[in-house]
């Protein structure tokens, strides 16, 4: 499955853009002004660059929040748990699925038989 978004900018470009915002923030009246100026230079939207800056601040410990590593570890643990649960219950899931398919096949078969009977009349 492909992602809905593409990574148009390499990690190096992102890191450089974030560094530029943090380094040149004092030269602008606000952080947003610095972000808008730099976003125009690298060709991304100001909102995207703002997200990169916020994520970098959390990852560096300047601001509180879940770091990228913490999120990755959490997602990995969740996927392991989901896989384990699926393996444990897959037998019962498969049996339920097969029974549902069989029920549907019987219904379809019954309908076809009824149609055939009506055509013969």
PDB file of N, CA and C in Angstrom:
ATOM      1  N   UNK A   1       0.843  -1.165   0.000  1.00  0.00           N
ATOM      2  CA  UNK A   1       0.000   0.000   0.000  1.00  0.00           C
ATOM      3  C   UNK A   1       0.893   1.235   0.000  1.00  0.00           C
ATOM      4  N   UNK A   2       0.525   2.195  -0.791  1.00  0.00           N
ATOM      5  CA  UNK A   2       1.322   3.411  -0.869  1.00  0.00           C
ATOM      6  C   UNK A   2       0.732   4.474   0.027  1.00  0.00           C
ATOM      7  N   UNK A   3       1.584   5.389   0.398  1.00  0.00           N
ATOM      8  CA  UNK A   3       1.167   6.473   1.274  1.00  0.00           C
ATOM      9  C   UNK A   3       0.377   7.503   0.481  1.00  0.00           C
ATOM     10  N   UNK A   4      -0.546   8.187   1.153  1.00  0.00           N
ATOM     11  CA  UNK A   4      -1.311   9.243   0.496  1.00  0.00           C
ATOM     12  C   UNK A   4      -0.430  10.454   0.221  1.00  0.00           C
ATOM     13  N   UNK A   5       0.583  10.624   1.040  1.00  0.00           N
ATOM     14  CA  UNK A   5       1.498  11.742   0.841  1.00  0.00           C
ATOM     15  C   UNK A   5       2.827  11.208   0.340  1.00  0.00           C
ATOM     16  N   UNK A   6       3.527  12.042  -0.377  1.00  0.00           N
ATOM     17  CA  UNK A   6       4.845  11.644  -0.838  1.00  0.00           C
ATOM     18  C   UNK A   6       5.891  12.460  -0.102  1.00  0.00           C
ATOM     19  N   UNK A   7       7.058  11.883   0.070  1.00  0.00           N
ATOM     20  CA  UNK A   7       8.159  12.600   0.701  1.00  0.00           C
ATOM     21  C   UNK A   7       8.937  13.317  -0.386  1.00  0.00           C
ATOM     22  N   UNK A   8       8.455  14.482  -0.733  1.00  0.00           N
ATOM     23  CA  UNK A   8       9.057  15.250  -1.814  1.00  0.00           C
ATOM     24  C   UNK A   8      10.430  15.784  -1.408  1.00  0.00           C
ATOM     25  N   UNK A   9      10.603  16.012  -0.122  1.00  0.00           N
ATOM     26  CA  UNK A   9      11.838  16.603   0.381  1.00  0.00           C
ATOM     27  C   UNK A   9      12.633  15.571   1.169  1.00  0.00           C
ATOM     28  N   UNK A  10      13.924  15.520   0.907  1.00  0.00           N
ATOM     29  CA  UNK A  10      14.783  14.566   1.607  1.00  0.00           C
ATOM     30  C   UNK A  10      14.938  14.990   3.067  1.00  0.00           C
ATOM     31  N   UNK A  11      15.351  14.065   3.926  1.00  0.00           N
ATOM     32  CA  UNK A  11      15.574  14.415   5.329  1.00  0.00           C
ATOM     33  C   UNK A  11      16.620  15.517   5.498  1.00  0.00           C
ATOM     34  N   UNK A  12      17.603  15.552   4.607  1.00  0.00           N
ATOM     35  CA  UNK A  12      18.633  16.593   4.689  1.00  0.00           C
ATOM     36  C   UNK A  12      18.041  17.976   4.424  1.00  0.00           C
ATOM     37  N   UNK A  13      17.168  18.068   3.416  1.00  0.00           N
ATOM     38  CA  UNK A  13      16.524  19.350   3.099  1.00  0.00           C
ATOM     39  C   UNK A  13      15.623  19.779   4.250  1.00  0.00           C
ATOM     40  N   UNK A  14      14.914  18.835   4.821  1.00  0.00           N
ATOM     41  CA  UNK A  14      14.043  19.162   5.961  1.00  0.00           C
ATOM     42  C   UNK A  14      14.861  19.682   7.139  1.00  0.00           C
ATOM     43  N   UNK A  15      15.944  18.981   7.446  1.00  0.00           N
ATOM     44  CA  UNK A  15      16.783  19.393   8.579  1.00  0.00           C
ATOM     45  C   UNK A  15      17.380  20.776   8.337  1.00  0.00           C
ATOM     46  N   UNK A  16      17.814  21.019   7.114  1.00  0.00           N
ATOM     47  CA  UNK A  16      18.389  22.336   6.786  1.00  0.00           C
ATOM     48  C   UNK A  16      17.335  23.434   6.906  1.00  0.00           C
ATOM     49  N   UNK A  17      16.132  23.170   6.432  1.00  0.00           N
ATOM     50  CA  UNK A  17      15.059  24.159   6.509  1.00  0.00           C
ATOM     51  C   UNK A  17      14.709  24.470   7.964  1.00  0.00           C
ATOM     52  N   UNK A  18      14.647  23.442   8.798  1.00  0.00           N
ATOM     53  CA  UNK A  18      14.351  23.649  10.221  1.00  0.00           C
ATOM     54  C   UNK A  18      15.463  24.464  10.875  1.00  0.00           C
ATOM     55  N   UNK A  19      16.723  24.124  10.555  1.00  0.00           N
ATOM     56  CA  UNK A  19      17.863  24.872  11.093  1.00  0.00           C
ATOM     57  C   UNK A  19      17.784  26.330  10.676  1.00  0.00           C
ATOM     58  N   UNK A  20      17.421  26.573   9.409  1.00  0.00           N
ATOM     59  CA  UNK A  20      17.327  27.952   8.925  1.00  0.00           C
ATOM     60  C   UNK A  20      16.261  28.725   9.692  1.00  0.00           C
ATOM     61  N   UNK A  21      15.118  28.089   9.955  1.00  0.00           N
ATOM     62  CA  UNK A  21      14.057  28.766  10.705  1.00  0.00           C
ATOM     63  C   UNK A  21      14.553  29.111  12.105  1.00  0.00           C
ATOM     64  N   UNK A  22      15.161  28.162  12.769  1.00  0.00           N
ATOM     65  CA  UNK A  22      15.616  28.404  14.146  1.00  0.00           C
ATOM     66  C   UNK A  22      16.748  29.428  14.190  1.00  0.00           C
ATOM     67  N   UNK A  23      17.625  29.418  13.171  1.00  0.00           N
ATOM     68  CA  UNK A  23      18.749  30.357  13.149  1.00  0.00           C
ATOM     69  C   UNK A  23      18.316  31.775  12.792  1.00  0.00           C
ATOM     70  N   UNK A  24      17.337  31.924  11.911  1.00  0.00           N
ATOM     71  CA  UNK A  24      16.950  33.241  11.406  1.00  0.00           C
ATOM     72  C   UNK A  24      15.649  33.766  12.004  1.00  0.00           C
ATOM     73  N   UNK A  25      15.169  33.097  13.007  1.00  0.00           N
ATOM     74  CA  UNK A  25      13.920  33.518  13.643  1.00  0.00           C
ATOM     75  C   UNK A  25      14.029  34.925  14.227  1.00  0.00           C
ATOM     76  N   UNK A  26      15.172  35.259  14.774  1.00  0.00           N
ATOM     77  CA  UNK A  26      15.364  36.569  15.396  1.00  0.00           C
ATOM     78  C   UNK A  26      15.361  37.707  14.376  1.00  0.00           C
ATOM     79  N   UNK A  27      15.641  37.407  13.127  1.00  0.00           N
ATOM     80  CA  UNK A  27      15.681  38.435  12.083  1.00  0.00           C
ATOM     81  C   UNK A  27      14.297  38.807  11.564  1.00  0.00           C
ATOM     82  N   UNK A  28      13.280  38.093  11.993  1.00  0.00           N
ATOM     83  CA  UNK A  28      11.912  38.327  11.536  1.00  0.00           C
ATOM     84  C   UNK A  28      11.045  38.732  12.721  1.00  0.00           C
ATOM     85  N   UNK A  29       9.930  39.410  12.447  1.00  0.00           N
ATOM     86  CA  UNK A  29       9.073  39.844  13.548  1.00  0.00           C
ATOM     87  C   UNK A  29       8.434  38.688  14.319  1.00  0.00           C
ATOM     88  N   UNK A  30       8.267  37.538  13.679  1.00  0.00           N
ATOM     89  CA  UNK A  30       7.682  36.374  14.357  1.00  0.00           C
ATOM     90  C   UNK A  30       8.234  35.098  13.727  1.00  0.00           C
ATOM     91  N   UNK A  31       8.007  34.006  14.417  1.00  0.00           N
ATOM     92  CA  UNK A  31       8.443  32.717  13.879  1.00  0.00           C
ATOM     93  C   UNK A  31       7.706  32.427  12.576  1.00  0.00           C
ATOM     94  N   UNK A  32       6.420  32.754  12.535  1.00  0.00           N
ATOM     95  CA  UNK A  32       5.645  32.495  11.333  1.00  0.00           C
ATOM     96  C   UNK A  32       6.204  33.255  10.130  1.00  0.00           C
ATOM     97  N   UNK A  33       6.650  34.477  10.360  1.00  0.00           N
ATOM     98  CA  UNK A  33       7.247  35.259   9.264  1.00  0.00           C
ATOM     99  C   UNK A  33       8.517  34.578   8.760  1.00  0.00           C
ATOM    100  N   UNK A  34       9.316  34.058   9.677  1.00  0.00           N
ATOM    101  CA  UNK A  34      10.534  33.343   9.283  1.00  0.00           C
ATOM    102  C   UNK A  34      10.176  32.075   8.508  1.00  0.00           C
ATOM    103  N   UNK A  35       9.164  31.376   8.979  1.00  0.00           N
ATOM    104  CA  UNK A  35       8.735  30.147   8.312  1.00  0.00           C
ATOM    105  C   UNK A  35       8.238  30.454   6.908  1.00  0.00           C
ATOM    106  N   UNK A  36       7.430  31.502   6.753  1.00  0.00           N
ATOM    107  CA  UNK A  36       6.912  31.848   5.434  1.00  0.00           C
ATOM    108  C   UNK A  36       8.034  32.229   4.476  1.00  0.00           C
ATOM    109  N   UNK A  37       9.014  32.952   4.985  1.00  0.00           N
ATOM    110  CA  UNK A  37      10.137  33.366   4.152  1.00  0.00           C
ATOM    111  C   UNK A  37      10.942  32.163   3.662  1.00  0.00           C
ATOM    112  N   UNK A  38      11.255  31.255   4.559  1.00  0.00           N
ATOM    113  CA  UNK A  38      12.087  30.099   4.227  1.00  0.00           C
ATOM    114  C   UNK A  38      11.301  29.071   3.409  1.00  0.00           C
ATOM    115  N   UNK A  39      10.016  28.900   3.713  1.00  0.00           N
ATOM    116  CA  UNK A  39       9.190  27.955   2.950  1.00  0.00           C
ATOM    117  C   UNK A  39       9.145  28.348   1.481  1.00  0.00           C
ATOM    118  N   UNK A  40       9.043  29.635   1.221  1.00  0.00           N
ATOM    119  CA  UNK A  40       9.035  30.097  -0.164  1.00  0.00           C
ATOM    120  C   UNK A  40      10.347  29.810  -0.874  1.00  0.00           C
ATOM    121  N   UNK A  41      11.441  29.856  -0.141  1.00  0.00           N
ATOM    122  CA  UNK A  41      12.760  29.613  -0.746  1.00  0.00           C
ATOM    123  C   UNK A  41      12.992  28.143  -1.085  1.00  0.00           C
ATOM    124  N   UNK A  42      12.469  27.237  -0.245  1.00  0.00           N
ATOM    125  CA  UNK A  42      12.722  25.811  -0.509  1.00  0.00           C
ATOM    126  C   UNK A  42      11.593  25.162  -1.298  1.00  0.00           C
ATOM    127  N   UNK A  43      10.460  25.843  -1.434  1.00  0.00           N
ATOM    128  CA  UNK A  43       9.381  25.329  -2.270  1.00  0.00           C
ATOM    129  C   UNK A  43       8.373  24.455  -1.570  1.00  0.00           C
ATOM    130  N   UNK A  44       8.211  24.623  -0.268  1.00  0.00           N
ATOM    131  CA  UNK A  44       7.169  23.879   0.439  1.00  0.00           C
ATOM    132  C   UNK A  44       6.175  24.877   1.023  1.00  0.00           C
ATOM    133  N   UNK A  45       5.085  24.383   1.564  1.00  0.00           N
ATOM    134  CA  UNK A  45       4.119  25.283   2.181  1.00  0.00           C
ATOM    135  C   UNK A  45       4.592  25.666   3.572  1.00  0.00           C
ATOM    136  N   UNK A  46       4.116  26.796   4.036  1.00  0.00           N
ATOM    137  CA  UNK A  46       4.492  27.258   5.376  1.00  0.00           C
ATOM    138  C   UNK A  46       3.983  26.297   6.443  1.00  0.00           C
ATOM    139  N   UNK A  47       2.795  25.725   6.236  1.00  0.00           N
ATOM    140  CA  UNK A  47       2.244  24.780   7.213  1.00  0.00           C
ATOM    141  C   UNK A  47       3.133  23.543   7.330  1.00  0.00           C
ATOM    142  N   UNK A  48       3.633  23.061   6.197  1.00  0.00           N
ATOM    143  CA  UNK A  48       4.508  21.889   6.217  1.00  0.00           C
ATOM    144  C   UNK A  48       5.787  22.180   6.983  1.00  0.00           C
ATOM    145  N   UNK A  49       6.401  23.303   6.685  1.00  0.00           N
ATOM    146  CA  UNK A  49       7.637  23.673   7.381  1.00  0.00           C
ATOM    147  C   UNK A  49       7.381  23.870   8.872  1.00  0.00           C
ATOM    148  N   UNK A  50       6.242  24.454   9.212  1.00  0.00           N
ATOM    149  CA  UNK A  50       5.900  24.644  10.621  1.00  0.00           C
ATOM    150  C   UNK A  50       5.793  23.296  11.334  1.00  0.00           C
ATOM    151  N   UNK A  51       5.193  22.296  10.676  1.00  0.00           N
ATOM    152  CA  UNK A  51       5.108  20.955  11.263  1.00  0.00           C
ATOM    153  C   UNK A  51       6.498  20.355  11.465  1.00  0.00           C
ATOM    154  N   UNK A  52       7.385  20.555  10.471  1.00  0.00           N
ATOM    155  CA  UNK A  52       8.755  20.042  10.610  1.00  0.00           C
ATOM    156  C   UNK A  52       9.456  20.680  11.798  1.00  0.00           C
ATOM    157  N   UNK A  53       9.274  21.990  11.977  1.00  0.00           N
ATOM    158  CA  UNK A  53       9.920  22.708  13.086  1.00  0.00           C
ATOM    159  C   UNK A  53       9.379  22.202  14.414  1.00  0.00           C
ATOM    160  N   UNK A  54       8.058  22.045  14.517  1.00  0.00           N
ATOM    161  CA  UNK A  54       7.469  21.563  15.772  1.00  0.00           C
ATOM    162  C   UNK A  54       7.955  20.152  16.095  1.00  0.00           C
ATOM    163  N   UNK A  55       8.020  19.287  15.079  1.00  0.00           N
ATOM    164  CA  UNK A  55       8.488  17.918  15.294  1.00  0.00           C
ATOM    165  C   UNK A  55       9.953  17.912  15.729  1.00  0.00           C
ATOM    166  N   UNK A  56      10.767  18.776  15.121  1.00  0.00           N
ATOM    167  CA  UNK A  56      12.192  18.851  15.486  1.00  0.00           C
ATOM    168  C   UNK A  56      12.360  19.333  16.921  1.00  0.00           C
ATOM    169  N   UNK A  57      11.526  20.261  17.342  1.00  0.00           N
ATOM    170  CA  UNK A  57      11.619  20.756  18.725  1.00  0.00           C
ATOM    171  C   UNK A  57      11.244  19.670  19.726  1.00  0.00           C
ATOM    172  N   UNK A  58      10.245  18.887  19.418  1.00  0.00           N
ATOM    173  CA  UNK A  58       9.864  17.786  20.310  1.00  0.00           C
ATOM    174  C   UNK A  58      10.957  16.726  20.325  1.00  0.00           C
ATOM    175  N   UNK A  59      11.473  16.386  19.137  1.00  0.00           N
ATOM    176  CA  UNK A  59      12.519  15.363  19.058  1.00  0.00           C
ATOM    177  C   UNK A  59      13.790  15.775  19.787  1.00  0.00           C
ATOM    178  N   UNK A  60      14.093  17.080  19.790  1.00  0.00           N
ATOM    179  CA  UNK A  60      15.308  17.551  20.461  1.00  0.00           C
ATOM    180  C   UNK A  60      15.107  17.760  21.956  1.00  0.00           C
ATOM    181  N   UNK A  61      13.862  17.711  22.417  1.00  0.00           N
ATOM    182  CA  UNK A  61      13.588  17.891  23.840  1.00  0.00           C
ATOM    183  C   UNK A  61      13.288  19.326  24.226  1.00  0.00           C
ATOM    184  N   UNK A  62      13.251  20.250  23.279  1.00  0.00           N
ATOM    185  CA  UNK A  62      12.941  21.649  23.584  1.00  0.00           C
ATOM    186  C   UNK A  62      11.489  21.835  24.005  1.00  0.00           C
ATOM    187  N   UNK A  63      10.618  21.006  23.433  1.00  0.00           N
ATOM    188  CA  UNK A  63       9.188  21.077  23.750  1.00  0.00           C
ATOM    189  C   UNK A  63       8.714  19.697  24.186  1.00  0.00           C
ATOM    190  N   UNK A  64       7.707  19.649  25.059  1.00  0.00           N
ATOM    191  CA  UNK A  64       7.191  18.342  25.492  1.00  0.00           C
ATOM    192  C   UNK A  64       6.358  17.693  24.396  1.00  0.00           C
ATOM    193  N   UNK A  65       6.328  16.384  24.423  1.00  0.00           N
ATOM    194  CA  UNK A  65       5.533  15.636  23.460  1.00  0.00           C
ATOM    195  C   UNK A  65       6.154  14.299  23.154  1.00  0.00           C
ATOM    196  N   UNK A  66       5.489  13.532  22.316  1.00  0.00           N
ATOM    197  CA  UNK A  66       5.996  12.223  21.908  1.00  0.00           C
ATOM    198  C   UNK A  66       6.986  12.397  20.774  1.00  0.00           C
ATOM    199  N   UNK A  67       8.184  11.893  20.977  1.00  0.00           N
ATOM    200  CA  UNK A  67       9.203  11.995  19.938  1.00  0.00           C
ATOM    201  C   UNK A  67       8.907  10.995  18.826  1.00  0.00           C
ATOM    202  N   UNK A  68       9.561  11.187  17.709  1.00  0.00           N
ATOM    203  CA  UNK A  68       9.381  10.291  16.574  1.00  0.00           C
ATOM    204  C   UNK A  68       9.769   8.864  16.942  1.00  0.00           C
ATOM    205  N   UNK A  69      10.835   8.697  17.723  1.00  0.00           N
ATOM    206  CA  UNK A  69      11.259   7.359  18.151  1.00  0.00           C
ATOM    207  C   UNK A  69      10.203   6.705  19.039  1.00  0.00           C
ATOM    208  N   UNK A  70       9.632   7.493  19.960  1.00  0.00           N
ATOM    209  CA  UNK A  70       8.602   6.944  20.848  1.00  0.00           C
ATOM    210  C   UNK A  70       7.383   6.500  20.047  1.00  0.00           C
ATOM    211  N   UNK A  71       6.992   7.289  19.065  1.00  0.00           N
ATOM    212  CA  UNK A  71       5.839   6.945  18.241  1.00  0.00           C
ATOM    213  C   UNK A  71       6.138   5.682  17.439  1.00  0.00           C
ATOM    214  N   UNK A  72       7.340   5.603  16.874  1.00  0.00           N
ATOM    215  CA  UNK A  72       7.724   4.419  16.110  1.00  0.00           C
ATOM    216  C   UNK A  72       7.720   3.166  16.965  1.00  0.00           C
ATOM    217  N   UNK A  73       8.268   3.275  18.189  1.00  0.00           N
ATOM    218  CA  UNK A  73       8.289   2.124  19.093  1.00  0.00           C
ATOM    219  C   UNK A  73       6.880   1.701  19.475  1.00  0.00           C
ATOM    220  N   UNK A  74       6.017   2.675  19.732  1.00  0.00           N
ATOM    221  CA  UNK A  74       4.639   2.376  20.105  1.00  0.00           C
ATOM    222  C   UNK A  74       3.921   1.679  18.957  1.00  0.00           C
ATOM    223  N   UNK A  75       4.097   2.188  17.746  1.00  0.00           N
ATOM    224  CA  UNK A  75       3.457   1.561  16.593  1.00  0.00           C
ATOM    225  C   UNK A  75       3.969   0.147  16.370  1.00  0.00           C
ATOM    226  N   UNK A  76       5.264  -0.048  16.582  1.00  0.00           N
ATOM    227  CA  UNK A  76       5.835  -1.387  16.421  1.00  0.00           C
ATOM    228  C   UNK A  76       5.243  -2.349  17.442  1.00  0.00           C
ATOM    229  N   UNK A  77       5.144  -1.893  18.702  1.00  0.00           N
ATOM    230  CA  UNK A  77       4.568  -2.754  19.738  1.00  0.00           C
ATOM    231  C   UNK A  77       3.103  -3.055  19.447  1.00  0.00           C
ATOM    232  N   UNK A  78       2.374  -2.059  18.970  1.00  0.00           N
ATOM    233  CA  UNK A  78       0.976  -2.285  18.619  1.00  0.00           C
ATOM    234  C   UNK A  78       0.841  -3.293  17.500  1.00  0.00           C
ATOM    235  N   UNK A  79       1.694  -3.184  16.489  1.00  0.00           N
ATOM    236  CA  UNK A  79       1.600  -4.119  15.365  1.00  0.00           C
ATOM    237  C   UNK A  79       1.946  -5.534  15.808  1.00  0.00           C
ATOM    238  N   UNK A  80       2.899  -5.669  16.722  1.00  0.00           N
ATOM    239  CA  UNK A  80       3.247  -6.995  17.238  1.00  0.00           C
ATOM    240  C   UNK A  80       2.058  -7.577  17.994  1.00  0.00           C
ATOM    241  N   UNK A  81       1.406  -6.737  18.806  1.00  0.00           N
ATOM    242  CA  UNK A  81       0.239  -7.195  19.550  1.00  0.00           C
ATOM    243  C   UNK A  81      -0.900  -7.586  18.645  1.00  0.00           C
ATOM    244  N   UNK A  82      -1.142  -6.810  17.611  1.00  0.00           N
ATOM    245  CA  UNK A  82      -2.215  -7.128  16.670  1.00  0.00           C
ATOM    246  C   UNK A  82      -1.912  -8.436  15.950  1.00  0.00           C
ATOM    247  N   UNK A  83      -0.672  -8.612  15.509  1.00  0.00           N
ATOM    248  CA  UNK A  83      -0.304  -9.851  14.823  1.00  0.00           C
ATOM    249  C   UNK A  83      -0.469 -11.060  15.737  1.00  0.00           C
ATOM    250  N   UNK A  84      -0.073 -10.901  17.000  1.00  0.00           N
ATOM    251  CA  UNK A  84      -0.190 -12.006  17.951  1.00  0.00           C
ATOM    252  C   UNK A  84      -1.649 -12.363  18.161  1.00  0.00           C
ATOM    253  N   UNK A  85      -2.483 -11.332  18.350  1.00  0.00           N
ATOM    254  CA  UNK A  85      -3.910 -11.594  18.540  1.00  0.00           C
ATOM    255  C   UNK A  85      -4.511 -12.249  17.299  1.00  0.00           C
ATOM    256  N   UNK A  86      -4.107 -11.789  16.132  1.00  0.00           N
ATOM    257  CA  UNK A  86      -4.650 -12.363  14.903  1.00  0.00           C
ATOM    258  C   UNK A  86      -4.267 -13.833  14.784  1.00  0.00           C
ATOM    259  N   UNK A  87      -3.008 -14.149  15.084  1.00  0.00           N
ATOM    260  CA  UNK A  87      -2.565 -15.538  15.006  1.00  0.00           C
ATOM    261  C   UNK A  87      -3.365 -16.402  15.978  1.00  0.00           C
ATOM    262  N   UNK A  88      -3.642 -15.848  17.156  1.00  0.00           N
ATOM    263  CA  UNK A  88      -4.349 -16.604  18.167  1.00  0.00           C
ATOM    264  C   UNK A  88      -5.791 -16.881  17.730  1.00  0.00           C
ATOM    265  N   UNK A  89      -6.412 -15.889  17.117  1.00  0.00           N
ATOM    266  CA  UNK A  89      -7.829 -16.019  16.787  1.00  0.00           C
ATOM    267  C   UNK A  89      -8.100 -16.331  15.319  1.00  0.00           C
ATOM    268  N   UNK A  90      -7.064 -16.479  14.545  1.00  0.00           N
ATOM    269  CA  UNK A  90      -7.289 -16.640  13.106  1.00  0.00           C
ATOM    270  C   UNK A  90      -8.065 -17.906  12.804  1.00  0.00           C
ATOM    271  N   UNK A  91      -7.886 -18.941  13.603  1.00  0.00           N
ATOM    272  CA  UNK A  91      -8.645 -20.161  13.372  1.00  0.00           C
ATOM    273  C   UNK A  91     -10.133 -19.909  13.480  1.00  0.00           C
ATOM    274  N   UNK A  92     -10.548 -19.236  14.549  1.00  0.00           N
ATOM    275  CA  UNK A  92     -11.977 -18.985  14.714  1.00  0.00           C
ATOM    276  C   UNK A  92     -12.482 -17.989  13.680  1.00  0.00           C
ATOM    277  N   UNK A  93     -11.641 -17.038  13.284  1.00  0.00           N
ATOM    278  CA  UNK A  93     -12.038 -16.078  12.254  1.00  0.00           C
ATOM    279  C   UNK A  93     -12.241 -16.803  10.932  1.00  0.00           C
ATOM    280  N   UNK A  94     -11.323 -17.687  10.603  1.00  0.00           N
ATOM    281  CA  UNK A  94     -11.426 -18.420   9.343  1.00  0.00           C
ATOM    282  C   UNK A  94     -12.675 -19.289   9.332  1.00  0.00           C
ATOM    283  N   UNK A  95     -12.975 -19.944  10.443  1.00  0.00           N
ATOM    284  CA  UNK A  95     -14.166 -20.799  10.517  1.00  0.00           C
ATOM    285  C   UNK A  95     -15.412 -19.938  10.324  1.00  0.00           C
ATOM    286  N   UNK A  96     -15.461 -18.791  10.984  1.00  0.00           N
ATOM    287  CA  UNK A  96     -16.608 -17.897  10.835  1.00  0.00           C
ATOM    288  C   UNK A  96     -16.771 -17.404   9.415  1.00  0.00           C
ATOM    289  N   UNK A  97     -15.656 -17.076   8.772  1.00  0.00           N
ATOM    290  CA  UNK A  97     -15.695 -16.599   7.396  1.00  0.00           C
ATOM    291  C   UNK A  97     -16.202 -17.692   6.454  1.00  0.00           C
ATOM    292  N   UNK A  98     -15.672 -18.890   6.641  1.00  0.00           N
ATOM    293  CA  UNK A  98     -16.088 -20.004   5.785  1.00  0.00           C
ATOM    294  C   UNK A  98     -17.577 -20.283   5.959  1.00  0.00           C
ATOM    295  N   UNK A  99     -18.055 -20.226   7.192  1.00  0.00           N
ATOM    296  CA  UNK A  99     -19.482 -20.461   7.435  1.00  0.00           C
ATOM    297  C   UNK A  99     -20.332 -19.384   6.764  1.00  0.00           C
ATOM    298  N   UNK A 100     -19.880 -18.128   6.828  1.00  0.00           N
ATOM    299  CA  UNK A 100     -20.624 -17.042   6.186  1.00  0.00           C
ATOM    300  C   UNK A 100     -20.668 -17.240   4.673  1.00  0.00           C
ATOM    301  N   UNK A 101     -19.551 -17.659   4.092  1.00  0.00           N
ATOM    302  CA  UNK A 101     -19.512 -17.907   2.649  1.00  0.00           C
ATOM    303  C   UNK A 101     -20.444 -19.058   2.298  1.00  0.00           C
ATOM    304  N   UNK A 102     -20.428 -20.107   3.115  1.00  0.00           N
ATOM    305  CA  UNK A 102     -21.312 -21.245   2.848  1.00  0.00           C
ATOM    306  C   UNK A 102     -22.775 -20.829   2.924  1.00  0.00           C
ATOM    307  N   UNK A 103     -23.128 -20.007   3.928  1.00  0.00           N
ATOM    308  CA  UNK A 103     -24.511 -19.531   4.044  1.00  0.00           C
ATOM    309  C   UNK A 103     -24.908 -18.743   2.805  1.00  0.00           C
ATOM    310  N   UNK A 104     -24.005 -17.850   2.370  1.00  0.00           N
ATOM    311  CA  UNK A 104     -24.293 -17.037   1.192  1.00  0.00           C
ATOM    312  C   UNK A 104     -24.429 -17.921  -0.041  1.00  0.00           C
ATOM    313  N   UNK A 105     -23.569 -18.927  -0.165  1.00  0.00           N
ATOM    314  CA  UNK A 105     -23.638 -19.834  -1.314  1.00  0.00           C
ATOM    315  C   UNK A 105     -24.960 -20.578  -1.315  1.00  0.00           C
ATOM    316  N   UNK A 106     -25.429 -20.997  -0.139  1.00  0.00           N
ATOM    317  CA  UNK A 106     -26.716 -21.684  -0.064  1.00  0.00           C
ATOM    318  C   UNK A 106     -27.840 -20.748  -0.478  1.00  0.00           C
ATOM    319  N   UNK A 107     -27.782 -19.506  -0.007  1.00  0.00           N
ATOM    320  CA  UNK A 107     -28.819 -18.539  -0.374  1.00  0.00           C
ATOM    321  C   UNK A 107     -28.822 -18.292  -1.872  1.00  0.00           C
ATOM    322  N   UNK A 108     -27.646 -18.107  -2.437  1.00  0.00           N
ATOM    323  CA  UNK A 108     -27.544 -17.872  -3.879  1.00  0.00           C
ATOM    324  C   UNK A 108     -28.048 -19.095  -4.628  1.00  0.00           C
ATOM    325  N   UNK A 109     -27.668 -20.271  -4.162  1.00  0.00           N
ATOM    326  CA  UNK A 109     -28.142 -21.501  -4.801  1.00  0.00           C
ATOM    327  C   UNK A 109     -29.660 -21.616  -4.731  1.00  0.00           C
ATOM    328  N   UNK A 110     -30.229 -21.298  -3.569  1.00  0.00           N
ATOM    329  CA  UNK A 110     -31.678 -21.351  -3.416  1.00  0.00           C
ATOM    330  C   UNK A 110     -32.359 -20.368  -4.356  1.00  0.00           C
ATOM    331  N   UNK A 111     -31.843 -19.175  -4.482  1.00  0.00           N
ATOM    332  CA  UNK A 111     -32.424 -18.164  -5.363  1.00  0.00           C
ATOM    333  C   UNK A 111     -32.343 -18.625  -6.810  1.00  0.00           C
ATOM    334  N   UNK A 112     -31.219 -19.188  -7.206  1.00  0.00           N
ATOM    335  CA  UNK A 112     -31.079 -19.679  -8.579  1.00  0.00           C
ATOM    336  C   UNK A 112     -32.077 -20.805  -8.861  1.00  0.00           C
ATOM    337  N   UNK A 113     -32.250 -21.679  -7.888  1.00  0.00           N
ATOM    338  CA  UNK A 113     -33.220 -22.764  -8.058  1.00  0.00           C
ATOM    339  C   UNK A 113     -34.627 -22.213  -8.205  1.00  0.00           C
ATOM    340  N   UNK A 114     -34.961 -21.198  -7.392  1.00  0.00           N
ATOM    341  CA  UNK A 114     -36.290 -20.598  -7.470  1.00  0.00           C
ATOM    342  C   UNK A 114     -36.492 -19.930  -8.827  1.00  0.00           C
ATOM    343  N   UNK A 115     -35.483 -19.248  -9.324  1.00  0.00           N
ATOM    344  CA  UNK A 115     -35.584 -18.598 -10.632  1.00  0.00           C
ATOM    345  C   UNK A 115     -35.770 -19.640 -11.733  1.00  0.00           C
ATOM    346  N   UNK A 116     -35.009 -20.728 -11.624  1.00  0.00           N
ATOM    347  CA  UNK A 116     -35.136 -21.792 -12.629  1.00  0.00           C
ATOM    348  C   UNK A 116     -36.534 -22.375 -12.601  1.00  0.00           C
ATOM    349  N   UNK A 117     -37.082 -22.565 -11.409  1.00  0.00           N
ATOM    350  CA  UNK A 117     -38.439 -23.100 -11.277  1.00  0.00           C
ATOM    351  C   UNK A 117     -39.446 -22.138 -11.897  1.00  0.00           C
ATOM    352  N   UNK A 118     -39.272 -20.831 -11.675  1.00  0.00           N
ATOM    353  CA  UNK A 118     -40.207 -19.848 -12.220  1.00  0.00           C
ATOM    354  C   UNK A 118     -40.119 -19.826 -13.740  1.00  0.00           C
ATOM    355  N   UNK A 119     -38.944 -19.987 -14.285  1.00  0.00           N
ATOM    356  CA  UNK A 119     -38.779 -19.960 -15.737  1.00  0.00           C
ATOM    357  C   UNK A 119     -39.458 -21.178 -16.376  1.00  0.00           C
ATOM    358  N   UNK A 120     -39.427 -22.273 -15.693  1.00  0.00           N
ATOM    359  CA  UNK A 120     -40.014 -23.496 -16.238  1.00  0.00           C
ATOM    360  C   UNK A 120     -41.533 -23.428 -16.235  1.00  0.00           C
ATOM    361  N   UNK A 121     -42.098 -22.639 -15.361  1.00  0.00           N
ATOM    362  CA  UNK A 121     -43.562 -22.567 -15.238  1.00  0.00           C
ATOM    363  C   UNK A 121     -44.123 -21.778 -16.319  1.00  0.00           C
TER     364      UNK A 121
END
